[in-house]
């Protein structure tokens, strides 16, 4: 991908590289699994990081990769690294908002939910459906008629 990244950067478009697990290519790379567990994978991740930096990427996302490998990448490149499920040794962290808010039914093992909004949302939608079916919603304060006085706007 270095040639593509180089061309995109030359066109004036900033590129953030993505190494380790690439979810968009999970089916091609053996599924959603931890990366960087073998020496061969470690070397490939390090080489990908170096190539992306040389190609002009302004930073790297390191996803679901062994923390020691992410730490090594962070030491070796001069551009910022952002971890997602790759330990504390990157320059920054990212967590998908739907995972953070507890909206994801089956979050990845590295995600942490800081709330359970899924439960809140499902409960609210169920109540709404129940009220629509029973006729409780909309109640009179939730609609108007054209002949009502303008003062009630």
C-alpha atoms as a PDB file:
ATOM      1  CA  UNK A   1       0.000   0.000   0.000  1.00  0.00           C
ATOM      2  CA  UNK A   2       3.012   2.317   0.248  1.00  0.00           C
ATOM      3  CA  UNK A   3       2.704   3.337  -3.417  1.00  0.00           C
ATOM      4  CA  UNK A   4      -0.965   4.195  -2.944  1.00  0.00           C
ATOM      5  CA  UNK A   5      -0.243   6.146   0.248  1.00  0.00           C
ATOM      6  CA  UNK A   6       2.605   8.008  -1.474  1.00  0.00           C
ATOM      7  CA  UNK A   7       0.310   8.979  -4.380  1.00  0.00           C
ATOM      8  CA  UNK A   8      -2.488  10.104  -2.084  1.00  0.00           C
ATOM      9  CA  UNK A   9      -0.074  12.192   0.008  1.00  0.00           C
ATOM     10  CA  UNK A  10       1.386  13.720  -3.178  1.00  0.00           C
ATOM     11  CA  UNK A  11      -2.164  14.677  -4.133  1.00  0.00           C
ATOM     12  CA  UNK A  12      -2.331  16.709  -0.907  1.00  0.00           C
ATOM     13  CA  UNK A  13      -4.554  14.310   1.036  1.00  0.00           C
ATOM     14  CA  UNK A  14      -3.373  13.459   4.567  1.00  0.00           C
ATOM     15  CA  UNK A  15      -3.101   9.714   5.262  1.00  0.00           C
ATOM     16  CA  UNK A  16      -3.268   7.957   8.602  1.00  0.00           C
ATOM     17  CA  UNK A  17      -1.818   4.464   8.273  1.00  0.00           C
ATOM     18  CA  UNK A  18      -3.439   1.411   9.860  1.00  0.00           C
ATOM     19  CA  UNK A  19      -1.380  -1.627  10.903  1.00  0.00           C
ATOM     20  CA  UNK A  20      -1.977  -4.796  12.879  1.00  0.00           C
ATOM     21  CA  UNK A  21      -5.578  -5.883  12.559  1.00  0.00           C
ATOM     22  CA  UNK A  22      -7.338  -4.228   9.632  1.00  0.00           C
ATOM     23  CA  UNK A  23     -11.035  -5.023  10.251  1.00  0.00           C
ATOM     24  CA  UNK A  24     -11.959  -4.062   6.690  1.00  0.00           C
ATOM     25  CA  UNK A  25      -9.704  -6.900   5.488  1.00  0.00           C
ATOM     26  CA  UNK A  26     -10.370  -9.378   8.309  1.00  0.00           C
ATOM     27  CA  UNK A  27     -11.722 -12.068   6.019  1.00  0.00           C
ATOM     28  CA  UNK A  28      -8.589 -11.880   3.870  1.00  0.00           C
ATOM     29  CA  UNK A  29      -6.154 -12.042   6.806  1.00  0.00           C
ATOM     30  CA  UNK A  30      -7.642 -14.870   8.832  1.00  0.00           C
ATOM     31  CA  UNK A  31     -10.339 -13.123  10.827  1.00  0.00           C
ATOM     32  CA  UNK A  32     -10.482 -10.840  13.835  1.00  0.00           C
ATOM     33  CA  UNK A  33      -7.499 -12.122  15.739  1.00  0.00           C
ATOM     34  CA  UNK A  34      -4.606 -10.765  17.743  1.00  0.00           C
ATOM     35  CA  UNK A  35      -1.691  -9.630  15.620  1.00  0.00           C
ATOM     36  CA  UNK A  36       2.042  -9.596  16.290  1.00  0.00           C
ATOM     37  CA  UNK A  37       2.207 -12.903  18.127  1.00  0.00           C
ATOM     38  CA  UNK A  38       4.857 -14.512  15.913  1.00  0.00           C
ATOM     39  CA  UNK A  39       8.260 -13.190  14.897  1.00  0.00           C
ATOM     40  CA  UNK A  40       7.092 -13.130  11.272  1.00  0.00           C
ATOM     41  CA  UNK A  41       4.018 -11.015  12.121  1.00  0.00           C
ATOM     42  CA  UNK A  42       6.084  -8.728  14.351  1.00  0.00           C
ATOM     43  CA  UNK A  43       8.546  -8.082  11.527  1.00  0.00           C
ATOM     44  CA  UNK A  44       5.723  -7.498   9.028  1.00  0.00           C
ATOM     45  CA  UNK A  45       4.041  -4.975  11.341  1.00  0.00           C
ATOM     46  CA  UNK A  46       7.327  -3.139  11.930  1.00  0.00           C
ATOM     47  CA  UNK A  47       8.101  -3.069   8.207  1.00  0.00           C
ATOM     48  CA  UNK A  48       4.561  -1.848   7.414  1.00  0.00           C
ATOM     49  CA  UNK A  49       5.023   0.951   9.957  1.00  0.00           C
ATOM     50  CA  UNK A  50       8.349   2.006   8.458  1.00  0.00           C
ATOM     51  CA  UNK A  51       6.978   1.878   4.893  1.00  0.00           C
ATOM     52  CA  UNK A  52       3.898   3.926   5.790  1.00  0.00           C
ATOM     53  CA  UNK A  53       6.066   6.545   7.493  1.00  0.00           C
ATOM     54  CA  UNK A  54       8.397   6.721   4.458  1.00  0.00           C
ATOM     55  CA  UNK A  55       5.353   6.995   2.175  1.00  0.00           C
ATOM     56  CA  UNK A  56       4.237  10.108   4.068  1.00  0.00           C
ATOM     57  CA  UNK A  57       1.558   8.914   6.510  1.00  0.00           C
ATOM     58  CA  UNK A  58       1.121  11.540   9.236  1.00  0.00           C
ATOM     59  CA  UNK A  59       0.355   8.936  11.920  1.00  0.00           C
ATOM     60  CA  UNK A  60      -0.431   5.250  12.490  1.00  0.00           C
ATOM     61  CA  UNK A  61      -3.296   3.357  14.078  1.00  0.00           C
ATOM     62  CA  UNK A  62      -2.063   0.114  15.622  1.00  0.00           C
ATOM     63  CA  UNK A  63      -5.010  -2.223  16.134  1.00  0.00           C
ATOM     64  CA  UNK A  64      -5.317  -5.429  18.198  1.00  0.00           C
ATOM     65  CA  UNK A  65      -1.561  -5.947  18.199  1.00  0.00           C
ATOM     66  CA  UNK A  66       0.658  -7.230  20.998  1.00  0.00           C
ATOM     67  CA  UNK A  67       1.562  -4.341  23.320  1.00  0.00           C
ATOM     68  CA  UNK A  68       5.302  -4.992  23.069  1.00  0.00           C
ATOM     69  CA  UNK A  69       5.098  -4.824  19.265  1.00  0.00           C
ATOM     70  CA  UNK A  70       3.074  -1.581  19.438  1.00  0.00           C
ATOM     71  CA  UNK A  71       5.677  -0.188  21.836  1.00  0.00           C
ATOM     72  CA  UNK A  72       8.476  -1.125  19.424  1.00  0.00           C
ATOM     73  CA  UNK A  73       6.663   0.536  16.516  1.00  0.00           C
ATOM     74  CA  UNK A  74       6.158   3.680  18.605  1.00  0.00           C
ATOM     75  CA  UNK A  75       9.875   3.805  19.413  1.00  0.00           C
ATOM     76  CA  UNK A  76      10.929   3.216  15.797  1.00  0.00           C
ATOM     77  CA  UNK A  77       8.771   5.733  13.945  1.00  0.00           C
ATOM     78  CA  UNK A  78       8.794   9.486  14.326  1.00  0.00           C
ATOM     79  CA  UNK A  79       5.079   9.929  13.577  1.00  0.00           C
ATOM     80  CA  UNK A  80       2.398   9.601  16.282  1.00  0.00           C
ATOM     81  CA  UNK A  81       0.929   6.160  16.989  1.00  0.00           C
ATOM     82  CA  UNK A  82      -2.604   5.582  18.205  1.00  0.00           C
ATOM     83  CA  UNK A  83      -3.490   2.283  19.889  1.00  0.00           C
ATOM     84  CA  UNK A  84      -6.789   0.472  19.738  1.00  0.00           C
ATOM     85  CA  UNK A  85      -6.535  -2.717  21.722  1.00  0.00           C
ATOM     86  CA  UNK A  86      -2.724  -2.635  21.523  1.00  0.00           C
ATOM     87  CA  UNK A  87      -1.672  -1.576  25.007  1.00  0.00           C
ATOM     88  CA  UNK A  88      -0.585   1.641  26.717  1.00  0.00           C
ATOM     89  CA  UNK A  89       2.668   2.371  24.871  1.00  0.00           C
ATOM     90  CA  UNK A  90       1.364   4.404  21.920  1.00  0.00           C
ATOM     91  CA  UNK A  91       1.163   8.176  21.735  1.00  0.00           C
ATOM     92  CA  UNK A  92      -2.629   8.072  22.018  1.00  0.00           C
ATOM     93  CA  UNK A  93      -5.628   5.806  22.452  1.00  0.00           C
ATOM     94  CA  UNK A  94      -8.850   5.351  20.533  1.00  0.00           C
ATOM     95  CA  UNK A  95     -11.999   3.450  21.408  1.00  0.00           C
ATOM     96  CA  UNK A  96     -14.947   3.142  19.042  1.00  0.00           C
ATOM     97  CA  UNK A  97     -17.754   5.305  20.440  1.00  0.00           C
ATOM     98  CA  UNK A  98     -20.396   2.581  20.157  1.00  0.00           C
ATOM     99  CA  UNK A  99     -18.165   0.282  22.238  1.00  0.00           C
ATOM    100  CA  UNK A 100     -17.407   3.044  24.775  1.00  0.00           C
ATOM    101  CA  UNK A 101     -21.126   3.809  25.199  1.00  0.00           C
ATOM    102  CA  UNK A 102     -22.095   0.150  25.554  1.00  0.00           C
ATOM    103  CA  UNK A 103     -24.087   0.088  22.319  1.00  0.00           C
ATOM    104  CA  UNK A 104     -22.243  -2.821  20.695  1.00  0.00           C
ATOM    105  CA  UNK A 105     -23.903  -6.182  21.259  1.00  0.00           C
ATOM    106  CA  UNK A 106     -20.648  -8.131  20.873  1.00  0.00           C
ATOM    107  CA  UNK A 107     -17.749  -5.703  21.417  1.00  0.00           C
ATOM    108  CA  UNK A 108     -14.167  -6.727  20.726  1.00  0.00           C
ATOM    109  CA  UNK A 109     -12.304  -8.115  23.751  1.00  0.00           C
ATOM    110  CA  UNK A 110     -10.126  -5.010  24.067  1.00  0.00           C
ATOM    111  CA  UNK A 111     -13.062  -2.599  24.283  1.00  0.00           C
ATOM    112  CA  UNK A 112     -14.302  -1.129  27.546  1.00  0.00           C
ATOM    113  CA  UNK A 113     -17.880   0.079  27.971  1.00  0.00           C
ATOM    114  CA  UNK A 114     -18.176   3.172  30.159  1.00  0.00           C
ATOM    115  CA  UNK A 115     -21.976   3.068  30.086  1.00  0.00           C
ATOM    116  CA  UNK A 116     -24.750   0.676  29.067  1.00  0.00           C
ATOM    117  CA  UNK A 117     -26.692   2.886  26.684  1.00  0.00           C
ATOM    118  CA  UNK A 118     -27.788  -0.145  24.685  1.00  0.00           C
ATOM    119  CA  UNK A 119     -30.010  -1.171  27.587  1.00  0.00           C
ATOM    120  CA  UNK A 120     -31.329   2.390  27.975  1.00  0.00           C
ATOM    121  CA  UNK A 121     -32.037   2.754  24.233  1.00  0.00           C
ATOM    122  CA  UNK A 122     -33.721  -0.651  23.896  1.00  0.00           C
ATOM    123  CA  UNK A 123     -35.908   0.148  26.904  1.00  0.00           C
ATOM    124  CA  UNK A 124     -36.861   3.583  25.503  1.00  0.00           C
ATOM    125  CA  UNK A 125     -37.711   2.157  22.053  1.00  0.00           C
ATOM    126  CA  UNK A 126     -39.832  -0.610  23.614  1.00  0.00           C
ATOM    127  CA  UNK A 127     -41.746   1.966  25.683  1.00  0.00           C
ATOM    128  CA  UNK A 128     -42.295   4.134  22.585  1.00  0.00           C
ATOM    129  CA  UNK A 129     -43.626   1.171  20.566  1.00  0.00           C
ATOM    130  CA  UNK A 130     -45.877   0.180  23.469  1.00  0.00           C
ATOM    131  CA  UNK A 131     -47.297   3.712  23.760  1.00  0.00           C
ATOM    132  CA  UNK A 132     -47.875   4.032  20.007  1.00  0.00           C
ATOM    133  CA  UNK A 133     -49.677   0.671  19.922  1.00  0.00           C
ATOM    134  CA  UNK A 134     -51.798   1.540  22.963  1.00  0.00           C
ATOM    135  CA  UNK A 135     -52.584   5.051  21.710  1.00  0.00           C
ATOM    136  CA  UNK A 136     -50.889   6.757  24.654  1.00  0.00           C
ATOM    137  CA  UNK A 137     -48.512   8.506  22.220  1.00  0.00           C
ATOM    138  CA  UNK A 138     -48.925  10.998  20.822  1.00  0.00           C
ATOM    139  CA  UNK A 139     -50.944  12.599  23.619  1.00  0.00           C
ATOM    140  CA  UNK A 140     -52.626  15.979  23.188  1.00  0.00           C
ATOM    141  CA  UNK A 141     -49.537  18.048  24.112  1.00  0.00           C
ATOM    142  CA  UNK A 142     -47.584  16.451  21.252  1.00  0.00           C
ATOM    143  CA  UNK A 143     -49.680  17.715  18.319  1.00  0.00           C
ATOM    144  CA  UNK A 144     -51.754  20.714  17.154  1.00  0.00           C
ATOM    145  CA  UNK A 145     -54.587  21.628  14.802  1.00  0.00           C
ATOM    146  CA  UNK A 146     -54.518  24.321  12.137  1.00  0.00           C
ATOM    147  CA  UNK A 147     -57.431  26.212  13.721  1.00  0.00           C
ATOM    148  CA  UNK A 148     -55.678  26.676  17.089  1.00  0.00           C
ATOM    149  CA  UNK A 149     -54.689  30.207  18.037  1.00  0.00           C
ATOM    150  CA  UNK A 150     -51.202  31.430  17.129  1.00  0.00           C
ATOM    151  CA  UNK A 151     -50.550  32.398  20.738  1.00  0.00           C
ATOM    152  CA  UNK A 152     -50.087  28.728  21.563  1.00  0.00           C
ATOM    153  CA  UNK A 153     -47.082  28.353  19.252  1.00  0.00           C
END
